[in-house]
Amino acid sequence: MDQRGKSQGPIPVSNLDPQFRLDVLKHKDAQGLNACFSCGTCTAGCPVSEVFPEYSPKKLAKMVKLGMKQEVLASSWIWCCTTCHNCEQHCPQNVQFFSILNVLKNMAAEAGYAPSPWVEQTRQVMRTGLVFPTDEALARKREARSLPAIKSDGAKAKKLIESTGADKIPAQGDR
C-alpha cells in the first residue's frame, strides 16, 4: 500500500513476514487482533475513512495478519488515527484497534519510520515542555487578558521522554 492507500500490485509471498503478526501479538495491547474477522465495521465508523476513503483500519488489520511488515510500518496511515475510538465502539468483537495502532506506531518508530513532524514535536516538548512554540504576540495577548505567562521549561518532559527512549527515535528521512 502506498502513501495514498493504493495497492501497488501483487506482493510476492517472499516479501511477507509470518513472524510480524506474532511480533505484534506479543504486545498485550494488540492481542485482540486475533478476534478481528474483517467485517469492516471499524472502517465504516471511522471519521478519517469518511474524509480519506483509502484509510481503512480493516485493511491495516488484515495487512498485519498477512505479515506485510514493511508495508504496514512504512505506511503513513498508521499515524492518521484521530483517537476517537469509534472503531472500538462499533466493533462486534470488541477489538481495541486504537491500542493495536499504538503498538504499530511504536514498532514503526523503533524501525525508523516515525514521521518528521512527530519527531520534531517530541523535540519541541523536550526543549520547552510545550507542544507548540509560543511567540511574543501570544505573550502580549495573554498579558492583555491578565493571564499568567506561559512557563517554557522542558526539563521534566525531557526526563520523561528520555526514560522512554523516544528521544532517540530518528525521523523517517534520518535513517
Protein backbone atom coordinates (compact mmCIF):
# COMPACT_ATOMS: atom_id res chain seq x y z
CA MET A 1 0.00 0.00 0.00
CA ASP A 2 1.46 3.36 -0.96
CA GLN A 3 1.03 6.62 0.99
CA ARG A 4 -2.44 7.10 -0.50
CA GLY A 5 -3.54 3.58 0.41
CA LYS A 6 -3.49 2.35 -3.17
CA SER A 7 -2.24 -1.13 -3.87
CA GLN A 8 0.99 -1.26 -5.81
CA GLY A 9 0.15 -4.61 -7.33
CA PRO A 10 0.69 -8.12 -6.05
CA ILE A 11 3.13 -8.60 -3.22
CA PRO A 12 5.39 -11.63 -3.64
CA VAL A 13 4.91 -14.21 -0.89
CA SER A 14 8.65 -13.96 -0.27
CA ASN A 15 8.08 -10.36 0.91
CA LEU A 16 5.64 -11.44 3.63
CA ASP A 17 6.88 -11.89 7.18
CA PRO A 18 4.81 -14.54 9.01
CA GLN A 19 6.57 -13.57 12.25
CA PHE A 20 5.22 -9.99 12.03
CA ARG A 21 1.73 -10.92 13.23
CA LEU A 22 3.26 -12.83 16.13
CA ASP A 23 5.55 -9.90 16.96
CA VAL A 24 2.53 -7.60 17.10
CA LEU A 25 0.55 -10.08 19.20
CA LYS A 26 3.38 -10.28 21.75
CA HIS A 27 2.19 -6.88 22.94
CA LYS A 28 -0.63 -7.17 25.46
CA ASP A 29 -2.44 -4.21 23.89
CA ALA A 30 -2.61 -5.92 20.49
CA GLN A 31 -3.86 -9.35 21.50
CA GLY A 32 -7.40 -8.56 20.36
CA LEU A 33 -6.20 -8.64 16.77
CA ASN A 34 -6.94 -12.39 16.61
CA ALA A 35 -10.62 -11.69 17.31
CA CYS A 36 -10.96 -9.50 14.21
CA PHE A 37 -12.86 -11.26 11.43
CA SER A 38 -12.58 -8.36 8.97
CA CYS A 39 -16.23 -7.32 8.98
CA GLY A 40 -15.29 -3.70 8.20
CA THR A 41 -17.43 -2.11 10.92
CA CYS A 42 -14.34 -0.30 12.20
CA THR A 43 -13.77 1.36 8.85
CA ALA A 44 -17.47 2.16 8.37
CA GLY A 45 -17.50 4.15 11.63
CA CYS A 46 -14.13 5.86 11.12
CA PRO A 47 -14.21 9.64 10.50
CA VAL A 48 -10.78 9.52 8.85
CA SER A 49 -12.10 6.95 6.38
CA GLU A 50 -15.00 9.29 5.55
CA VAL A 51 -12.56 12.00 4.50
CA PHE A 52 -9.92 9.65 3.07
CA PRO A 53 -11.73 6.51 1.80
CA GLU A 54 -8.37 4.83 1.25
CA TYR A 55 -7.79 4.82 5.06
CA SER A 56 -9.05 1.52 6.39
CA PRO A 57 -8.48 0.07 9.87
CA LYS A 58 -9.84 -3.20 8.46
CA LYS A 59 -7.19 -3.17 5.73
CA LEU A 60 -4.39 -2.39 8.21
CA ALA A 61 -5.50 -5.27 10.48
CA LYS A 62 -5.59 -7.63 7.50
CA MET A 63 -2.13 -6.49 6.38
CA VAL A 64 -0.73 -7.26 9.85
CA LYS A 65 -2.31 -10.71 9.81
CA LEU A 66 -0.84 -11.39 6.37
CA GLY A 67 2.66 -10.41 7.51
CA MET A 68 3.01 -7.25 5.42
CA LYS A 69 5.50 -5.79 7.88
CA GLN A 70 7.31 -3.38 5.57
CA GLU A 71 4.08 -2.02 4.08
CA VAL A 72 2.44 -1.52 7.49
CA LEU A 73 5.37 0.04 9.33
CA ALA A 74 6.26 2.35 6.44
CA SER A 75 2.64 3.39 5.91
CA SER A 76 1.71 6.97 6.81
CA TRP A 77 -1.81 5.72 7.52
CA ILE A 78 -0.94 4.27 10.93
CA TRP A 79 -0.29 7.84 12.09
CA CYS A 80 -3.64 9.25 10.87
CA CYS A 81 -5.94 7.97 13.62
CA THR A 82 -7.88 10.77 15.36
CA THR A 83 -8.14 8.73 18.60
CA CYS A 84 -11.95 8.97 18.56
CA HIS A 85 -12.29 5.25 19.40
CA ASN A 86 -15.28 4.86 17.04
CA CYS A 87 -13.69 1.70 15.64
CA GLU A 88 -13.67 0.16 19.10
CA GLN A 89 -17.17 1.29 19.97
CA HIS A 90 -18.59 -0.25 16.79
CA CYS A 91 -16.59 -3.48 16.72
CA PRO A 92 -18.77 -6.55 17.33
CA GLN A 93 -15.68 -8.43 18.55
CA ASN A 94 -14.58 -5.63 20.93
CA VAL A 95 -11.19 -5.37 19.20
CA GLN A 96 -9.27 -2.44 20.67
CA PHE A 97 -7.91 -1.20 17.35
CA PHE A 98 -6.63 2.09 18.79
CA SER A 99 -4.35 0.08 21.08
CA ILE A 100 -3.20 -2.04 18.14
CA LEU A 101 -2.38 1.15 16.21
CA ASN A 102 -0.29 2.36 19.14
CA VAL A 103 1.67 -0.90 19.07
CA LEU A 104 2.19 -0.48 15.31
CA LYS A 105 3.31 3.15 15.75
CA ASN A 106 5.83 2.12 18.40
CA MET A 107 7.14 -0.65 16.18
CA ALA A 108 7.33 1.76 13.24
CA ALA A 109 9.20 4.34 15.31
CA GLU A 110 11.67 1.72 16.53
CA ALA A 111 12.23 0.69 12.91
CA GLY A 112 12.94 4.30 11.89
CA TYR A 113 9.58 5.18 10.33
CA ALA A 114 8.45 7.96 12.67
CA PRO A 115 7.16 10.95 10.69
CA SER A 116 9.41 14.00 10.86
CA PRO A 117 6.65 16.24 12.35
CA TRP A 118 6.13 13.75 15.20
CA VAL A 119 9.86 13.65 15.96
CA GLU A 120 10.13 17.46 15.79
CA GLN A 121 7.16 17.86 18.12
CA THR A 122 8.81 15.48 20.59
CA ARG A 123 12.00 17.57 20.42
CA GLN A 124 9.92 20.74 20.93
CA VAL A 125 8.39 19.28 24.10
CA MET A 126 11.85 18.29 25.36
CA ARG A 127 13.15 21.82 24.79
CA THR A 128 10.23 23.81 26.14
CA GLY A 129 7.72 21.50 27.80
CA LEU A 130 5.15 22.81 25.31
CA VAL A 131 3.69 21.00 22.32
CA PHE A 132 3.51 24.16 20.21
CA PRO A 133 6.04 27.00 20.14
CA THR A 134 4.99 30.34 21.58
CA ASP A 135 5.86 33.81 20.35
CA GLU A 136 5.77 37.41 21.53
CA ALA A 137 2.30 38.02 20.07
CA LEU A 138 0.86 35.24 22.22
CA ALA A 139 2.67 36.56 25.28
CA ARG A 140 1.17 40.03 24.70
CA LYS A 141 -2.34 38.60 24.26
CA ARG A 142 -2.04 36.65 27.49
CA GLU A 143 -0.75 39.71 29.32
CA ALA A 144 -3.60 41.86 27.94
CA ARG A 145 -6.09 39.32 29.30
CA SER A 146 -4.35 39.19 32.68
CA LEU A 147 -3.33 35.60 32.10
CA PRO A 148 -0.06 34.32 33.55
CA ALA A 149 2.93 33.99 31.29
CA ILE A 150 3.48 30.53 29.83
CA LYS A 151 6.42 28.89 31.50
CA SER A 152 8.68 27.29 28.98
CA ASP A 153 10.74 24.60 30.70
CA GLY A 154 11.13 21.18 29.19
CA ALA A 155 13.28 19.67 31.95
CA LYS A 156 10.59 17.38 33.38
CA ALA A 157 9.25 16.46 29.95
CA LYS A 158 12.78 15.80 28.71
CA LYS A 159 13.45 13.47 31.64
CA LEU A 160 10.21 11.58 30.96
CA ILE A 161 10.82 11.34 27.21
CA GLU A 162 14.41 10.19 27.73
CA SER A 163 13.22 7.50 30.15
CA THR A 164 11.08 6.01 27.36
CA GLY A 165 13.81 6.24 24.72
CA ALA A 166 11.59 8.39 22.47
CA ASP A 167 14.37 10.97 22.28
CA LYS A 168 16.47 8.52 20.26
CA ILE A 169 13.84 7.89 17.58
CA PRO A 170 15.05 9.17 14.20
CA ALA A 171 12.71 10.89 11.79
CA GLN A 172 11.68 8.83 8.78
CA GLY A 173 14.16 10.57 6.47
CA ASP A 174 17.01 10.41 9.01
CA ARG A 175 17.57 6.64 8.90
